[in-house]
Amino acid sequence: MPTPVVLKGCRIFAGRYDIGDRHTELSVSYEVEEKDAKNMGSGDTAVSFPGHMKVAASFKAHFAAGAVDPATGKGEPETVASELLGDEVPHAISVSPRKALTGVDGRPALFWSGHALKLTHGGAVGDIWPIEVSHGLGRSRLVRGTFLLGGLRSAPGSGTARRLGAVGPSQRLYACVHVLRLVGTAVTLRVQSDEAAAFGSPADQIVLGPFTSPDDDFEEAAGPMADEWFRVEWSGTFTEVLAVVAVGVAAG
């Protein structure tokens, strides 16, 4: 029987920032718009069809002032939300049920590309100053995947191979990255696949970067892909890179 996930700690990454675990509540919904299709011949029965799919997400937190830490990319929820609010460019957003950054590798991930749409301040007398941030869909679907990288790296290398399964002809491989810190000239991350965990003949499926400063990206590649094993490889000229990568397979 699968072990259920208890939300004792949850981490949010948005753009080039680590919002961390300072929020108090998180909600992510994925829904299909209902399109009214009734006509004069419908009689007394409502008729509707599914329309576009959309992601809606929000989180609540307590207000705290503070600048983003350049060493970790970590910032207070309100600070990060204010930075991203209204940006026309969608940003990668990912959520981990794991509290610690170094513990996200191999853990379940929900991720998408979206916009920060609304920041609300205020509450009732006696409350710890609450805020709420709402996110909307940018140019992607909600992807349920796995974190394949999370933590600080000081040299080129590759991560642990994970069996995510083959990508069918009507599916796509999705990946997002949050580069939180970069000391050096550039870093490029590649999502690779192989038929076995040993990765004797890896194939590049998605290239993220190159990045010359902290940034984020969301990319996808069309199936089919027969390989079932995936990993992340990173290379470039750097002495330190702190990054998080999530990968998943979903309908195209």
Protein backbone atom coordinates (compact mmCIF):
# COMPACT_ATOMS: atom_id res chain seq x y z
CA MET A 1 0.00 0.00 0.00
CA PRO A 2 1.47 3.40 -0.95
CA THR A 3 2.49 5.65 1.92
CA PRO A 4 0.32 8.80 2.09
CA VAL A 5 1.97 12.22 2.07
CA VAL A 6 1.33 14.22 5.24
CA LEU A 7 1.82 17.98 4.81
CA LYS A 8 4.07 18.58 7.80
CA GLY A 9 6.35 20.69 5.62
CA CYS A 10 6.00 21.94 2.08
CA ARG A 11 8.36 23.96 -0.11
CA ILE A 12 7.56 26.33 -2.97
CA PHE A 13 9.96 27.44 -5.72
CA ALA A 14 8.92 30.31 -8.00
CA GLY A 15 11.11 31.72 -10.75
CA ARG A 16 14.65 32.09 -9.47
CA TYR A 17 13.48 32.15 -5.86
CA ASP A 18 13.04 29.67 -3.05
CA ILE A 19 9.96 30.76 -1.10
CA GLY A 20 10.81 28.07 1.41
CA ASP A 21 8.40 26.81 4.04
CA ARG A 22 7.18 30.06 5.61
CA HIS A 23 3.66 29.73 4.19
CA THR A 24 0.74 28.40 6.21
CA GLU A 25 -1.52 26.98 3.51
CA LEU A 26 -1.20 25.85 -0.10
CA SER A 27 -3.82 25.04 -2.73
CA VAL A 28 -3.32 23.91 -6.34
CA SER A 29 -6.29 23.10 -8.58
CA TYR A 30 -6.47 21.84 -12.15
CA GLU A 31 -9.81 22.18 -13.83
CA VAL A 32 -11.57 22.19 -17.16
CA GLU A 33 -13.74 25.12 -18.17
CA GLU A 34 -17.39 24.19 -18.65
CA LYS A 35 -18.78 25.59 -21.91
CA ASP A 36 -22.53 26.05 -22.19
CA ALA A 37 -23.84 24.38 -25.36
CA LYS A 38 -27.59 24.35 -24.80
CA ASN A 39 -29.86 25.34 -27.69
CA MET A 40 -33.53 25.44 -28.59
CA GLY A 41 -33.51 21.68 -29.13
CA SER A 42 -32.02 20.89 -25.71
CA GLY A 43 -35.38 20.87 -23.99
CA ASP A 44 -35.15 21.12 -20.21
CA THR A 45 -31.73 19.45 -20.03
CA ALA A 46 -28.53 21.47 -19.66
CA VAL A 47 -25.85 20.68 -22.27
CA SER A 48 -22.18 21.51 -21.83
CA PHE A 49 -18.78 20.54 -23.20
CA PRO A 50 -15.29 20.67 -21.71
CA GLY A 51 -13.23 23.67 -22.76
CA HIS A 52 -9.70 24.75 -21.89
CA MET A 53 -7.82 23.33 -18.92
CA LYS A 54 -6.42 25.78 -16.39
CA VAL A 55 -4.27 25.85 -13.28
CA ALA A 56 -5.19 27.96 -10.27
CA ALA A 57 -2.90 28.06 -7.26
CA SER A 58 -2.66 30.09 -4.08
CA PHE A 59 -0.78 30.11 -0.82
CA LYS A 60 -1.17 31.93 2.46
CA ALA A 61 1.60 33.17 4.71
CA HIS A 62 2.46 35.66 7.42
CA PHE A 63 3.94 38.98 6.33
CA ALA A 64 7.63 39.49 7.09
CA ALA A 65 9.90 42.09 5.52
CA GLY A 66 13.27 41.01 4.21
CA ALA A 67 15.48 40.92 1.13
CA VAL A 68 16.22 37.80 -0.91
CA ASP A 69 19.36 36.01 0.27
CA PRO A 70 21.69 35.92 -2.78
CA ALA A 71 23.52 32.90 -1.37
CA THR A 72 20.42 30.70 -1.40
CA GLY A 73 17.80 32.52 -3.49
CA LYS A 74 15.51 32.27 -0.47
CA GLY A 75 13.11 35.11 0.19
CA GLU A 76 10.09 35.91 2.31
CA PRO A 77 6.81 35.02 0.57
CA GLU A 78 5.67 38.65 0.31
CA THR A 79 9.04 39.80 -1.04
CA VAL A 80 9.07 37.16 -3.78
CA ALA A 81 5.42 37.71 -4.68
CA SER A 82 5.99 41.47 -5.01
CA GLU A 83 8.96 40.83 -7.30
CA LEU A 84 7.03 38.49 -9.64
CA LEU A 85 3.61 40.19 -9.51
CA GLY A 86 2.47 41.38 -12.93
CA ASP A 87 5.53 40.10 -14.79
CA GLU A 88 4.46 39.45 -18.39
CA VAL A 89 6.90 36.54 -18.67
CA PRO A 90 5.58 33.33 -17.06
CA HIS A 91 7.83 31.69 -14.51
CA ALA A 92 8.40 28.10 -13.52
CA ILE A 93 6.63 27.22 -10.28
CA SER A 94 7.11 23.94 -8.42
CA VAL A 95 5.88 22.53 -5.15
CA SER A 96 7.47 19.86 -2.96
CA PRO A 97 5.92 18.12 0.06
CA ARG A 98 9.42 18.05 1.53
CA LYS A 99 10.46 20.86 3.89
CA ALA A 100 14.23 20.74 3.33
CA LEU A 101 15.77 21.84 0.01
CA THR A 102 18.34 19.05 0.10
CA GLY A 103 15.56 16.50 0.61
CA VAL A 104 13.49 17.22 -2.51
CA ASP A 105 15.55 14.98 -4.84
CA GLY A 106 13.44 11.93 -5.67
CA ARG A 107 10.31 13.39 -4.06
CA PRO A 108 6.97 14.03 -5.79
CA ALA A 109 6.59 17.38 -7.56
CA LEU A 110 3.76 19.49 -8.90
CA PHE A 111 4.98 22.08 -11.37
CA TRP A 112 3.77 24.44 -14.08
CA SER A 113 4.57 27.73 -15.79
CA GLY A 114 2.48 30.63 -14.54
CA HIS A 115 2.08 34.20 -13.37
CA ALA A 116 1.69 35.78 -9.93
CA LEU A 117 -1.67 37.48 -10.39
CA LYS A 118 -2.77 38.78 -7.01
CA LEU A 119 -1.23 39.71 -3.64
CA THR A 120 -3.63 40.37 -0.76
CA HIS A 121 -2.70 41.90 2.60
CA GLY A 122 -4.69 42.21 5.82
CA GLY A 123 -6.80 40.35 8.33
CA ALA A 124 -8.83 40.74 11.49
CA VAL A 125 -7.76 42.47 14.69
CA GLY A 126 -5.37 40.30 16.67
CA ASP A 127 -4.21 38.34 13.62
CA ILE A 128 -0.59 37.87 12.70
CA TRP A 129 -0.47 39.98 9.52
CA PRO A 130 -1.64 37.54 6.83
CA ILE A 131 -1.02 37.64 3.09
CA GLU A 132 -2.38 35.54 0.23
CA VAL A 133 -0.80 35.08 -3.19
CA SER A 134 -2.69 33.75 -6.23
CA HIS A 135 -1.04 32.23 -9.31
CA GLY A 136 -2.54 31.49 -12.71
CA LEU A 137 -1.64 29.41 -15.73
CA GLY A 138 0.94 30.80 -18.12
CA ARG A 139 1.63 28.47 -21.03
CA SER A 140 1.56 24.99 -19.59
CA ARG A 141 -0.55 22.32 -17.99
CA LEU A 142 -0.10 21.19 -14.43
CA VAL A 143 2.49 18.40 -14.38
CA ARG A 144 2.79 15.75 -11.69
CA GLY A 145 6.37 14.59 -11.68
CA THR A 146 9.51 14.02 -9.64
CA PHE A 147 12.35 16.23 -8.48
CA LEU A 148 15.56 14.95 -10.10
CA LEU A 149 17.87 17.58 -8.61
CA GLY A 150 17.87 19.70 -5.49
CA GLY A 151 20.92 21.16 -3.82
CA LEU A 152 24.35 22.73 -4.21
CA ARG A 153 26.82 21.40 -6.79
CA SER A 154 30.47 22.45 -7.12
CA ALA A 155 31.49 20.54 -10.27
CA PRO A 156 29.92 19.08 -13.42
CA GLY A 157 28.09 15.81 -12.89
CA SER A 158 24.83 13.92 -13.11
CA GLY A 159 22.07 13.00 -10.68
CA THR A 160 20.41 9.78 -9.61
CA ALA A 161 18.54 7.87 -12.30
CA ARG A 162 14.79 7.64 -11.69
CA ARG A 163 12.31 5.41 -13.47
CA LEU A 164 9.58 7.79 -14.68
CA GLY A 165 8.26 5.51 -17.44
CA ALA A 166 8.14 5.77 -21.22
CA VAL A 167 6.60 8.79 -22.95
CA GLY A 168 3.73 7.78 -25.22
CA PRO A 169 3.01 9.20 -28.69
CA SER A 170 0.29 11.49 -27.31
CA GLN A 171 2.35 12.52 -24.29
CA ARG A 172 5.12 15.01 -23.64
CA LEU A 173 8.11 15.18 -21.32
CA TYR A 174 8.10 18.34 -19.17
CA ALA A 175 10.87 19.87 -17.10
CA CYS A 176 11.37 23.00 -15.05
CA VAL A 177 14.44 24.42 -13.37
CA HIS A 178 15.08 27.03 -10.68
CA VAL A 179 18.69 28.24 -10.64
CA LEU A 180 18.88 29.87 -7.20
CA ARG A 181 22.61 30.66 -7.06
CA LEU A 182 25.43 30.64 -9.58
CA VAL A 183 29.07 31.41 -8.92
CA GLY A 184 30.87 31.20 -12.23
CA THR A 185 30.38 31.91 -15.92
CA ALA A 186 27.55 29.59 -16.99
CA VAL A 187 25.72 26.35 -16.30
CA THR A 188 23.62 24.13 -18.59
CA LEU A 189 21.34 21.37 -17.35
CA ARG A 190 20.15 18.47 -19.50
CA VAL A 191 17.33 16.03 -18.89
CA GLN A 192 18.60 12.72 -20.22
CA SER A 193 16.97 9.33 -20.78
CA ASP A 194 18.19 5.77 -21.17
CA GLU A 195 16.78 2.27 -21.35
CA ALA A 196 18.49 1.22 -18.11
CA ALA A 197 19.48 2.78 -14.78
CA ALA A 198 23.18 2.43 -15.58
CA PHE A 199 22.87 5.06 -18.35
CA GLY A 200 25.28 3.40 -20.74
CA SER A 201 24.00 5.43 -23.71
CA PRO A 202 22.23 8.56 -22.42
CA ALA A 203 20.17 10.69 -24.80
CA ASP A 204 19.51 14.39 -24.26
CA GLN A 205 15.76 15.05 -24.28
CA ILE A 206 15.48 18.59 -22.87
CA VAL A 207 18.20 21.25 -22.53
CA LEU A 208 17.76 23.92 -19.84
CA GLY A 209 20.03 26.93 -20.27
CA PRO A 210 22.77 27.93 -20.52
CA PHE A 211 22.28 30.22 -17.53
CA THR A 212 24.73 33.00 -16.71
CA SER A 213 22.90 34.18 -13.58
CA PRO A 214 20.07 32.94 -11.31
CA ASP A 215 17.01 32.29 -13.49
CA ASP A 216 14.31 29.75 -14.29
CA ASP A 217 12.92 27.87 -17.27
CA PHE A 218 10.10 25.54 -18.25
CA GLU A 219 10.48 23.32 -21.33
CA GLU A 220 8.81 20.33 -22.95
CA ALA A 221 9.53 17.71 -25.60
CA ALA A 222 7.09 15.64 -27.64
CA GLY A 223 6.87 11.86 -27.35
CA PRO A 224 7.23 9.07 -28.06
CA MET A 225 10.28 8.16 -26.00
CA ALA A 226 10.82 4.46 -25.35
CA ASP A 227 13.34 5.01 -22.54
CA GLU A 228 11.93 4.69 -19.02
CA TRP A 229 14.87 6.02 -16.99
CA PHE A 230 15.66 9.73 -16.60
CA ARG A 231 18.27 11.85 -14.88
CA VAL A 232 19.67 15.40 -14.88
CA GLU A 233 23.20 16.24 -16.00
CA TRP A 234 24.81 19.62 -15.33
CA SER A 235 27.90 21.13 -16.96
CA GLY A 236 29.57 24.49 -17.45
CA THR A 237 32.16 26.79 -15.91
CA PHE A 238 31.26 27.35 -12.27
CA THR A 239 32.43 26.78 -8.72
CA GLU A 240 28.95 26.71 -7.19
CA VAL A 241 25.45 26.20 -8.55
CA LEU A 242 22.34 25.80 -6.43
CA ALA A 243 19.47 24.48 -8.53
CA VAL A 244 16.21 22.53 -8.41
CA VAL A 245 14.88 20.51 -11.35
CA ALA A 246 11.52 18.74 -11.66
CA VAL A 247 10.62 16.35 -14.51
CA GLY A 248 7.36 14.68 -15.40
CA VAL A 249 5.33 12.98 -18.14
CA ALA A 250 1.84 14.20 -19.04
CA ALA A 251 -0.59 14.43 -21.92
CA GLY A 252 0.46 16.74 -24.73
